[in-house]
Amino acid sequence: MSGRGRSVCCALAVVVAATTLAACGMNPGASEPTTITVWDYYGSATPIKPAIAAFEKANPNITVRHVEREYDTIKAEFGSGNGPDVSTLDLTWLPELAYAGDLTDLGDLSGGEINGQDIEHVYASTALDAMSYRSQYVAAPLDFDTYSLFYRSDLLAAQKIAVPQTWPEFREAARKLAEEADSSGRTGKARVQIGPDTFHFAELLFQDGGTILDQGGERATFAGQNGVRALTAYRDLLRDGGLYWGPEKGDSSGIDAIRDGRIAMFINGPFMMGVLKDGVPEMAGKWGVTRVPALGTAGVERAGYLGGTGLGIPAASKNKKAAFDFVQFMLKIEQQRGVTKHAGAAPTTNEAILELELTDPDPFFGNQQPNLVFLDALAAARPMPRIRQWGEVDAVINTAVEAALQGKKTPEKALEDAARDVDKLLAS
């Protein structure tokens, strides 16, 4: 284990050790037979579906109707009268949904406790901040998402390419992989997946010491020198050896392109560990994980994007008590283990972070300890702005990133135009 990995684990242990965690008793569940509907965007790597049978056994009066939903459809339908009782929610959606009055205050519903423990003892401060809006706890974080670089270790080794740690090294590795011919003589097959979105731009912006908005959330700041450097670097990576992977592809994971070798490196979150193991088991031992190569200038903290998945209960739900029983169940240690086992994601509760065997070598990743890479990244990660207009702001920045990557605008012009539109949104 690296010194940095040890320091992260020790820091997390200190946070947890400061609080005595009580043993979780069985929740008696609803007193009357109840059916709750759970919307789930995890897909095949879900930690939720495997937990349902155990929940129903522990809560015999509650039946769970599990519904797989596409990520992009949930937010728009969550607050309708035809919504679920519990749903997976991207943590960046919470301010918008809470502002609209669509989320139940879990603090009020729970009496301030989860599984018999004070909520502030269940989660660390970063999680408490992520689940809060205007002093209310509006969702319960289930996993955290922060970015690292996945790479085909076998291809890098075959070409004697060092695992990139700086952005120039990353560009050079992308170039060499793209120039190499495969067994059929086809060149340019193994490339870096380029996601044209706010999250990948923000990863580089934060690394370079930039911010999306000012401290008060009143003006755009992403169009300054930090933002231009970040977007230019991302565009140049695409030109060197990238594969543009926009929403028109349908599957954001790119698993088919990973399987056939078109994608050899990509920047994404810990959930992709589960996607790889489920989607390309034949590639066991051929993948590695490292921190996103450093873009920022010397002396700037190597920060990055922070997101994740929470469980929320719609204000319109008629089964809030039973729904919260399910939320609590998903936060017990057995289900938090399932977050790592099934989704390959980072668990969120203090108990899970301390007790899970995060340091075990993983044969799929060449006996690396990939969880430590993500915990290392998590220690310096930053959340997106917690404003009610975030959905609209995100869309504007997405459009700017797409325009720059597709050569429709220079990075400077794309960000300048986007900042002007964002300022108008913030003023409305």
Protein backbone atom coordinates (compact mmCIF):
# COMPACT_ATOMS: atom_id res chain seq x y z
CA MET A 1 0.00 0.00 0.00
CA SER A 2 1.31 3.46 -0.85
CA GLY A 3 1.93 6.05 1.85
CA ARG A 4 -0.88 8.11 0.38
CA GLY A 5 -3.27 5.11 0.48
CA ARG A 6 -2.37 4.47 4.11
CA SER A 7 -2.96 8.11 5.00
CA VAL A 8 -6.42 8.07 3.43
CA CYS A 9 -7.43 4.88 5.21
CA CYS A 10 -6.06 6.16 8.52
CA ALA A 11 -7.91 9.44 8.12
CA LEU A 12 -11.16 7.61 7.45
CA ALA A 13 -10.57 5.33 10.40
CA VAL A 14 -10.02 8.31 12.70
CA VAL A 15 -13.29 9.87 11.53
CA VAL A 16 -15.16 6.67 12.28
CA ALA A 17 -13.33 5.82 15.49
CA ALA A 18 -14.41 9.15 16.92
CA THR A 19 -17.94 7.83 16.99
CA THR A 20 -19.16 4.68 18.73
CA LEU A 21 -21.43 2.82 16.36
CA ALA A 22 -24.31 0.99 17.97
CA ALA A 23 -25.37 -2.43 16.76
CA CYS A 24 -28.28 -2.36 14.32
CA GLY A 25 -31.42 -4.10 15.49
CA MET A 26 -34.05 -5.56 13.18
CA ASN A 27 -36.59 -3.03 11.96
CA PRO A 28 -40.09 -4.36 12.53
CA GLY A 29 -41.29 -2.83 9.24
CA ALA A 30 -44.79 -1.71 8.37
CA SER A 31 -47.63 -2.92 10.59
CA GLU A 32 -50.02 -3.42 7.64
CA PRO A 33 -49.25 -5.27 4.38
CA THR A 34 -47.66 -2.73 2.06
CA THR A 35 -46.15 -2.75 -1.41
CA ILE A 36 -43.46 -0.20 -2.23
CA THR A 37 -42.07 0.59 -5.67
CA VAL A 38 -38.31 1.07 -5.98
CA TRP A 39 -36.79 2.68 -9.09
CA ASP A 40 -33.24 1.59 -9.81
CA TYR A 41 -30.86 3.03 -12.44
CA TYR A 42 -27.84 0.82 -11.60
CA GLY A 43 -28.61 -1.69 -14.36
CA SER A 44 -27.01 -5.14 -14.30
CA ALA A 45 -24.52 -4.08 -11.60
CA THR A 46 -27.25 -3.17 -9.11
CA PRO A 47 -26.70 -3.72 -5.37
CA ILE A 48 -30.41 -3.12 -4.75
CA LYS A 49 -32.10 -6.07 -6.45
CA PRO A 50 -29.96 -8.72 -4.67
CA ALA A 51 -30.97 -7.26 -1.28
CA ILE A 52 -34.74 -7.43 -1.77
CA ALA A 53 -35.31 -11.02 -0.67
CA ALA A 54 -33.49 -10.44 2.62
CA PHE A 55 -35.42 -7.22 3.20
CA GLU A 56 -38.77 -8.91 2.61
CA LYS A 57 -37.79 -11.73 4.98
CA ALA A 58 -36.88 -9.21 7.70
CA ASN A 59 -40.02 -7.14 6.95
CA PRO A 60 -42.73 -9.70 6.09
CA ASN A 61 -45.46 -7.08 5.76
CA ILE A 62 -43.60 -5.18 3.02
CA THR A 63 -43.38 -6.31 -0.60
CA VAL A 64 -40.90 -4.59 -2.91
CA ARG A 65 -41.71 -3.95 -6.55
CA HIS A 66 -38.32 -3.43 -8.21
CA VAL A 67 -38.33 -1.42 -11.45
CA GLU A 68 -35.25 -0.91 -13.60
CA ARG A 69 -35.19 2.62 -15.00
CA GLU A 70 -32.84 4.44 -17.33
CA TYR A 71 -30.71 7.05 -15.58
CA ASP A 72 -31.89 9.86 -17.83
CA THR A 73 -35.62 9.27 -17.22
CA ILE A 74 -35.83 9.27 -13.43
CA LYS A 75 -35.41 12.95 -12.53
CA ALA A 76 -38.22 14.17 -14.80
CA GLU A 77 -40.75 11.65 -13.46
CA PHE A 78 -39.64 11.37 -9.83
CA GLY A 79 -42.00 13.97 -8.39
CA SER A 80 -45.10 12.97 -10.35
CA GLY A 81 -48.02 11.31 -8.67
CA ASN A 82 -47.06 8.15 -10.56
CA GLY A 83 -43.54 8.06 -9.17
CA PRO A 84 -41.92 5.46 -6.91
CA ASP A 85 -41.73 5.18 -3.14
CA VAL A 86 -37.92 4.99 -3.21
CA SER A 87 -35.55 5.82 -6.05
CA THR A 88 -31.89 5.97 -6.88
CA LEU A 89 -30.96 9.62 -7.41
CA ASP A 90 -27.80 11.28 -8.67
CA LEU A 91 -26.64 13.48 -5.79
CA THR A 92 -26.31 16.42 -8.19
CA TRP A 93 -30.10 16.31 -8.73
CA LEU A 94 -30.96 16.92 -5.08
CA PRO A 95 -31.02 20.75 -4.98
CA GLU A 96 -33.35 20.94 -7.99
CA LEU A 97 -35.71 18.24 -6.69
CA ALA A 98 -35.68 19.64 -3.15
CA TYR A 99 -36.34 23.19 -4.36
CA ALA A 100 -39.38 21.88 -6.26
CA GLY A 101 -40.67 20.25 -3.07
CA ASP A 102 -40.38 16.74 -4.51
CA LEU A 103 -38.23 15.19 -1.75
CA THR A 104 -39.21 14.01 1.71
CA ASP A 105 -37.15 15.38 4.62
CA LEU A 106 -35.53 12.20 5.91
CA GLY A 107 -34.46 13.91 9.11
CA ASP A 108 -38.05 14.62 9.99
CA LEU A 109 -39.29 11.20 8.83
CA SER A 110 -36.59 9.32 10.75
CA GLY A 111 -36.49 11.36 13.92
CA GLY A 112 -32.86 12.08 13.09
CA GLU A 113 -31.76 8.44 13.14
CA ILE A 114 -30.83 5.66 10.71
CA ASN A 115 -30.91 2.10 12.06
CA GLY A 116 -31.02 3.45 15.61
CA GLN A 117 -27.99 5.74 15.19
CA ASP A 118 -27.85 9.51 14.89
CA ILE A 119 -27.59 10.42 11.20
CA GLU A 120 -24.55 12.55 11.95
CA HIS A 121 -22.81 9.43 13.30
CA VAL A 122 -23.75 7.27 10.30
CA TYR A 123 -22.10 9.55 7.74
CA ALA A 124 -18.94 11.65 7.54
CA SER A 125 -19.21 15.40 6.97
CA THR A 126 -18.78 15.13 3.19
CA ALA A 127 -21.75 12.79 2.94
CA LEU A 128 -23.87 14.94 5.27
CA ASP A 129 -23.19 17.92 3.03
CA ALA A 130 -24.04 15.95 -0.12
CA MET A 131 -27.41 14.82 1.27
CA SER A 132 -28.46 18.24 2.62
CA TYR A 133 -30.50 21.08 1.20
CA ARG A 134 -31.51 24.09 3.31
CA SER A 135 -30.86 22.22 6.57
CA GLN A 136 -32.88 19.17 5.51
CA TYR A 137 -31.57 15.67 4.80
CA VAL A 138 -33.27 15.01 1.47
CA ALA A 139 -31.61 11.71 0.45
CA ALA A 140 -29.45 8.98 1.96
CA PRO A 141 -26.15 8.49 0.08
CA LEU A 142 -25.67 4.87 -1.02
CA ASP A 143 -22.43 5.20 -2.97
CA PHE A 144 -19.89 7.87 -3.81
CA ASP A 145 -18.57 8.58 -7.28
CA THR A 146 -15.21 10.14 -7.98
CA TYR A 147 -13.02 9.71 -11.04
CA SER A 148 -9.86 7.72 -11.72
CA LEU A 149 -8.18 6.46 -14.89
CA PHE A 150 -8.87 2.89 -16.05
CA TYR A 151 -6.28 1.51 -18.46
CA ARG A 152 -5.46 -1.71 -20.32
CA SER A 153 -2.36 -2.75 -18.43
CA ASP A 154 -1.57 -5.51 -20.93
CA LEU A 155 -1.49 -3.09 -23.87
CA LEU A 156 0.66 -0.56 -22.04
CA ALA A 157 3.08 -3.28 -20.98
CA ALA A 158 3.28 -4.73 -24.49
CA GLN A 159 4.34 -1.35 -25.87
CA LYS A 160 6.52 -0.50 -22.87
CA ILE A 161 4.35 2.52 -22.04
CA ALA A 162 4.51 3.63 -18.41
CA VAL A 163 1.21 4.14 -16.58
CA PRO A 164 0.63 7.89 -17.11
CA GLN A 165 0.75 10.14 -14.04
CA THR A 166 0.93 13.54 -15.75
CA TRP A 167 -1.13 14.97 -18.58
CA PRO A 168 1.79 15.02 -21.08
CA GLU A 169 2.40 11.34 -20.28
CA PHE A 170 -1.30 10.63 -20.80
CA ARG A 171 -1.26 12.32 -24.22
CA GLU A 172 1.86 10.41 -25.23
CA ALA A 173 0.35 7.08 -24.12
CA ALA A 174 -2.85 7.87 -26.07
CA ARG A 175 -0.78 8.68 -29.16
CA LYS A 176 1.20 5.45 -29.02
CA LEU A 177 -1.86 3.27 -28.46
CA ALA A 178 -3.71 4.93 -31.35
CA GLU A 179 -0.75 4.44 -33.69
CA GLU A 180 -0.31 0.75 -32.92
CA ALA A 181 -1.78 -1.69 -35.44
CA ASP A 182 -3.85 -4.59 -34.18
CA SER A 183 -3.45 -8.20 -35.41
CA SER A 184 -5.56 -7.46 -38.50
CA GLY A 185 -3.40 -4.48 -39.43
CA ARG A 186 -6.01 -1.94 -38.36
CA THR A 187 -4.43 1.13 -36.77
CA GLY A 188 -5.93 3.54 -34.29
CA LYS A 189 -8.19 1.00 -32.62
CA ALA A 190 -7.16 1.29 -28.95
CA ARG A 191 -8.17 4.76 -27.84
CA VAL A 192 -9.17 6.89 -24.86
CA GLN A 193 -12.91 7.25 -24.33
CA ILE A 194 -13.80 10.96 -24.36
CA GLY A 195 -17.07 11.77 -22.59
CA PRO A 196 -18.21 15.23 -23.73
CA ASP A 197 -19.87 16.32 -20.50
CA THR A 198 -19.67 18.68 -17.55
CA PHE A 199 -18.31 16.02 -15.19
CA HIS A 200 -15.17 15.23 -17.21
CA PHE A 201 -14.56 18.93 -17.82
CA ALA A 202 -15.01 19.63 -14.10
CA GLU A 203 -12.50 16.90 -13.22
CA LEU A 204 -9.79 18.80 -15.12
CA LEU A 205 -11.04 22.24 -14.09
CA PHE A 206 -10.86 21.33 -10.39
CA GLN A 207 -7.43 19.75 -10.87
CA ASP A 208 -6.19 23.07 -12.21
CA GLY A 209 -7.58 24.97 -9.23
CA GLY A 210 -10.64 26.30 -11.03
CA THR A 211 -14.28 26.50 -9.95
CA ILE A 212 -17.60 26.38 -11.77
CA LEU A 213 -19.29 29.24 -9.89
CA ASP A 214 -18.19 31.89 -7.43
CA GLN A 215 -18.53 31.23 -3.71
CA GLY A 216 -22.03 32.69 -3.54
CA GLY A 217 -23.25 30.70 -6.55
CA GLU A 218 -24.13 33.95 -8.34
CA ARG A 219 -21.72 34.08 -11.28
CA ALA A 220 -19.93 31.64 -13.59
CA THR A 221 -16.18 31.29 -13.07
CA PHE A 222 -15.44 28.30 -15.31
CA ALA A 223 -14.53 30.44 -18.36
CA GLY A 224 -11.32 31.80 -16.84
CA GLN A 225 -7.81 30.63 -17.58
CA ASN A 226 -8.25 27.42 -15.57
CA GLY A 227 -11.31 26.44 -17.58
CA VAL A 228 -9.72 27.24 -20.93
CA ARG A 229 -6.64 25.19 -20.02
CA ALA A 230 -8.81 22.27 -18.89
CA LEU A 231 -11.03 22.18 -21.97
CA THR A 232 -8.09 22.70 -24.33
CA ALA A 233 -6.25 19.79 -22.72
CA TYR A 234 -9.32 17.57 -23.09
CA ARG A 235 -9.75 18.57 -26.75
CA ASP A 236 -6.08 17.88 -27.44
CA LEU A 237 -6.35 14.44 -25.84
CA LEU A 238 -9.21 13.67 -28.23
CA ARG A 239 -7.05 14.69 -31.17
CA ASP A 240 -4.06 12.68 -29.94
CA GLY A 241 -5.82 9.38 -29.46
CA GLY A 242 -9.37 9.79 -28.25
CA LEU A 243 -12.69 8.25 -29.22
CA TYR A 244 -15.58 10.73 -28.95
CA TRP A 245 -18.33 9.07 -26.92
CA GLY A 246 -21.38 11.33 -26.84
CA PRO A 247 -24.96 10.63 -25.71
CA GLU A 248 -25.86 9.41 -29.21
CA LYS A 249 -23.94 6.22 -28.38
CA GLY A 250 -26.73 5.22 -26.01
CA ASP A 251 -24.55 3.33 -23.50
CA SER A 252 -22.34 5.76 -21.59
CA SER A 253 -20.20 2.91 -20.22
CA GLY A 254 -18.97 1.98 -23.70
CA ILE A 255 -18.84 -1.68 -22.70
CA ASP A 256 -19.20 -2.94 -26.29
CA ALA A 257 -16.28 -0.77 -27.40
CA ILE A 258 -14.29 -1.94 -24.39
CA ARG A 259 -15.02 -5.54 -25.32
CA ASP A 260 -13.85 -5.19 -28.94
CA GLY A 261 -10.78 -3.14 -28.00
CA ARG A 262 -11.76 0.27 -29.33
CA ILE A 263 -11.57 1.71 -25.81
CA ALA A 264 -8.31 1.01 -23.98
CA MET A 265 -8.39 3.84 -21.42
CA PHE A 266 -11.17 5.88 -19.86
CA ILE A 267 -11.83 8.24 -16.95
CA ASN A 268 -14.78 7.21 -14.79
CA GLY A 269 -15.99 6.28 -11.32
CA PRO A 270 -15.67 3.16 -9.13
CA PHE A 271 -18.97 1.72 -10.39
CA MET A 272 -17.11 0.88 -13.61
CA MET A 273 -15.19 -1.79 -11.70
CA GLY A 274 -18.47 -3.69 -11.42
CA VAL A 275 -19.43 -2.94 -15.03
CA LEU A 276 -16.12 -4.34 -16.29
CA LYS A 277 -16.33 -7.49 -14.18
CA ASP A 278 -19.90 -8.11 -15.31
CA GLY A 279 -19.46 -7.06 -18.96
CA VAL A 280 -15.99 -8.34 -19.87
CA PRO A 281 -15.05 -11.11 -17.41
CA GLU A 282 -12.68 -12.50 -20.03
CA MET A 283 -10.49 -9.41 -19.55
CA ALA A 284 -9.63 -10.25 -15.94
CA GLY A 285 -6.04 -9.28 -15.18
CA LYS A 286 -5.83 -6.92 -18.16
CA TRP A 287 -7.04 -3.73 -16.46
CA GLY A 288 -5.51 -1.29 -14.00
CA VAL A 289 -6.64 1.83 -12.16
CA THR A 290 -4.68 4.96 -11.25
CA ARG A 291 -5.43 8.58 -10.32
CA VAL A 292 -6.43 10.83 -13.20
CA PRO A 293 -3.14 12.15 -14.63
CA ALA A 294 -2.23 15.50 -13.11
CA LEU A 295 -3.16 18.55 -15.15
CA GLY A 296 -2.92 21.22 -12.48
CA THR A 297 0.03 23.46 -11.82
CA ALA A 298 2.52 22.79 -9.04
CA GLY A 299 1.21 23.53 -5.56
CA VAL A 300 -2.47 23.15 -6.54
CA GLU A 301 -4.36 20.37 -4.76
CA ARG A 302 -5.08 17.48 -7.11
CA ALA A 303 -8.82 17.85 -6.71
CA GLY A 304 -11.53 16.24 -8.79
CA TYR A 305 -15.24 15.69 -9.30
CA LEU A 306 -17.37 14.26 -6.49
CA GLY A 307 -20.80 12.75 -7.05
CA GLY A 308 -22.66 9.57 -6.26
CA THR A 309 -26.01 7.89 -5.79
CA GLY A 310 -28.52 8.51 -3.04
CA LEU A 311 -31.84 6.95 -2.12
CA GLY A 312 -34.69 9.45 -2.03
CA ILE A 313 -38.36 9.22 -1.07
CA PRO A 314 -40.77 11.37 -3.10
CA ALA A 315 -42.94 13.80 -1.18
CA ALA A 316 -45.86 12.26 -3.11
CA SER A 317 -45.22 8.73 -1.78
CA LYS A 318 -48.10 7.27 0.22
CA ASN A 319 -45.83 4.67 1.84
CA LYS A 320 -43.11 6.78 3.43
CA LYS A 321 -42.70 4.65 6.57
CA ALA A 322 -42.19 1.43 4.61
CA ALA A 323 -40.02 3.28 2.10
CA PHE A 324 -37.74 4.52 4.87
CA ASP A 325 -37.52 1.00 6.29
CA PHE A 326 -36.10 -0.03 2.91
CA VAL A 327 -33.67 2.89 2.82
CA GLN A 328 -32.39 1.99 6.28
CA PHE A 329 -31.97 -1.64 5.26
CA MET A 330 -29.83 -0.63 2.26
CA LEU A 331 -27.51 1.25 4.65
CA LYS A 332 -26.77 -1.74 6.89
CA ILE A 333 -23.30 -3.18 6.59
CA GLU A 334 -24.39 -6.25 4.58
CA GLN A 335 -25.98 -4.08 1.88
CA GLN A 336 -23.08 -1.62 1.91
CA ARG A 337 -20.84 -4.60 1.19
CA GLY A 338 -23.17 -5.30 -1.71
CA VAL A 339 -22.52 -1.80 -3.10
CA THR A 340 -18.89 -2.78 -3.54
CA LYS A 341 -19.54 -6.42 -4.50
CA HIS A 342 -22.24 -5.83 -7.12
CA ALA A 343 -21.75 -2.25 -8.29
CA GLY A 344 -18.01 -1.99 -7.73
CA ALA A 345 -18.75 1.35 -6.10
CA ALA A 346 -17.50 3.07 -2.96
CA PRO A 347 -19.79 2.66 0.08
CA THR A 348 -20.80 5.73 2.06
CA THR A 349 -21.49 4.91 5.70
CA ASN A 350 -18.70 5.31 8.25
CA GLU A 351 -19.15 1.71 9.36
CA ALA A 352 -18.73 0.40 5.81
CA ILE A 353 -15.72 2.55 4.98
CA LEU A 354 -13.97 1.32 8.11
CA GLU A 355 -14.96 -2.35 8.05
CA LEU A 356 -15.03 -3.33 4.39
CA GLU A 357 -11.96 -5.13 3.11
CA LEU A 358 -11.01 -2.30 0.78
CA THR A 359 -7.35 -3.20 0.76
CA ASP A 360 -7.78 -6.73 -0.62
CA PRO A 361 -5.87 -7.32 -3.88
CA ASP A 362 -8.27 -7.64 -6.81
CA PRO A 363 -7.31 -10.29 -9.39
CA PHE A 364 -9.41 -8.57 -12.07
CA PHE A 365 -7.13 -5.55 -11.75
CA GLY A 366 -3.86 -7.49 -11.68
CA ASN A 367 -3.96 -7.81 -7.87
CA GLN A 368 -4.01 -4.04 -7.47
CA GLN A 369 -5.95 -2.47 -4.61
CA PRO A 370 -8.25 -0.30 -6.76
CA ASN A 371 -10.48 0.81 -3.89
CA LEU A 372 -7.52 2.65 -2.39
CA VAL A 373 -7.09 4.59 -5.64
CA PHE A 374 -10.68 5.82 -5.42
CA LEU A 375 -10.44 6.57 -1.70
CA ASP A 376 -7.33 8.60 -2.48
CA ALA A 377 -9.25 10.55 -5.13
CA LEU A 378 -12.24 10.93 -2.79
CA ALA A 379 -10.11 12.68 -0.19
CA ALA A 380 -9.63 15.70 -2.50
CA ALA A 381 -12.88 15.57 -4.49
CA ARG A 382 -15.35 18.46 -4.74
CA PRO A 383 -19.12 18.37 -5.26
CA MET A 384 -20.91 20.27 -7.98
CA PRO A 385 -22.57 23.58 -7.00
CA ARG A 386 -25.62 23.03 -4.81
CA ILE A 387 -28.03 25.37 -6.57
CA ARG A 388 -31.58 24.87 -7.75
CA GLN A 389 -30.63 25.73 -11.34
CA TRP A 390 -27.93 23.08 -11.52
CA GLY A 391 -29.76 20.97 -14.14
CA GLU A 392 -29.91 23.93 -16.52
CA VAL A 393 -26.34 25.00 -15.76
CA ASP A 394 -25.12 21.46 -16.39
CA ALA A 395 -26.89 21.41 -19.78
CA VAL A 396 -25.28 24.70 -20.83
CA ILE A 397 -21.77 23.52 -19.89
CA ASN A 398 -22.39 20.19 -21.62
CA THR A 399 -23.22 22.02 -24.83
CA ALA A 400 -20.04 24.10 -24.56
CA VAL A 401 -17.86 21.03 -24.02
CA GLU A 402 -19.44 19.29 -27.01
CA ALA A 403 -18.92 22.34 -29.22
CA ALA A 404 -15.23 22.59 -28.31
CA LEU A 405 -14.53 18.89 -28.74
CA GLN A 406 -16.31 18.78 -32.08
CA GLY A 407 -14.37 21.80 -33.35
CA LYS A 408 -17.46 23.99 -33.69
CA LYS A 409 -15.98 26.60 -31.34
CA THR A 410 -12.63 27.24 -29.72
CA PRO A 411 -12.49 26.32 -26.04
CA GLU A 412 -12.29 30.04 -25.19
CA LYS A 413 -15.38 30.93 -27.25
CA ALA A 414 -17.38 27.91 -26.09
CA LEU A 415 -16.80 28.70 -22.41
CA GLU A 416 -17.30 32.44 -22.86
CA ASP A 417 -20.71 31.87 -24.46
CA ALA A 418 -21.66 29.31 -21.82
CA ALA A 419 -20.66 31.61 -18.95
CA ARG A 420 -22.87 34.38 -20.33
CA ASP A 421 -25.85 32.00 -20.52
CA VAL A 422 -25.19 30.63 -17.03
CA ASP A 423 -25.05 34.12 -15.55
CA LYS A 424 -28.50 34.77 -17.01
CA LEU A 425 -29.81 31.56 -15.45
CA LEU A 426 -28.38 32.44 -12.06
CA ALA A 427 -29.92 35.90 -12.20
CA SER A 428 -33.41 34.56 -12.99
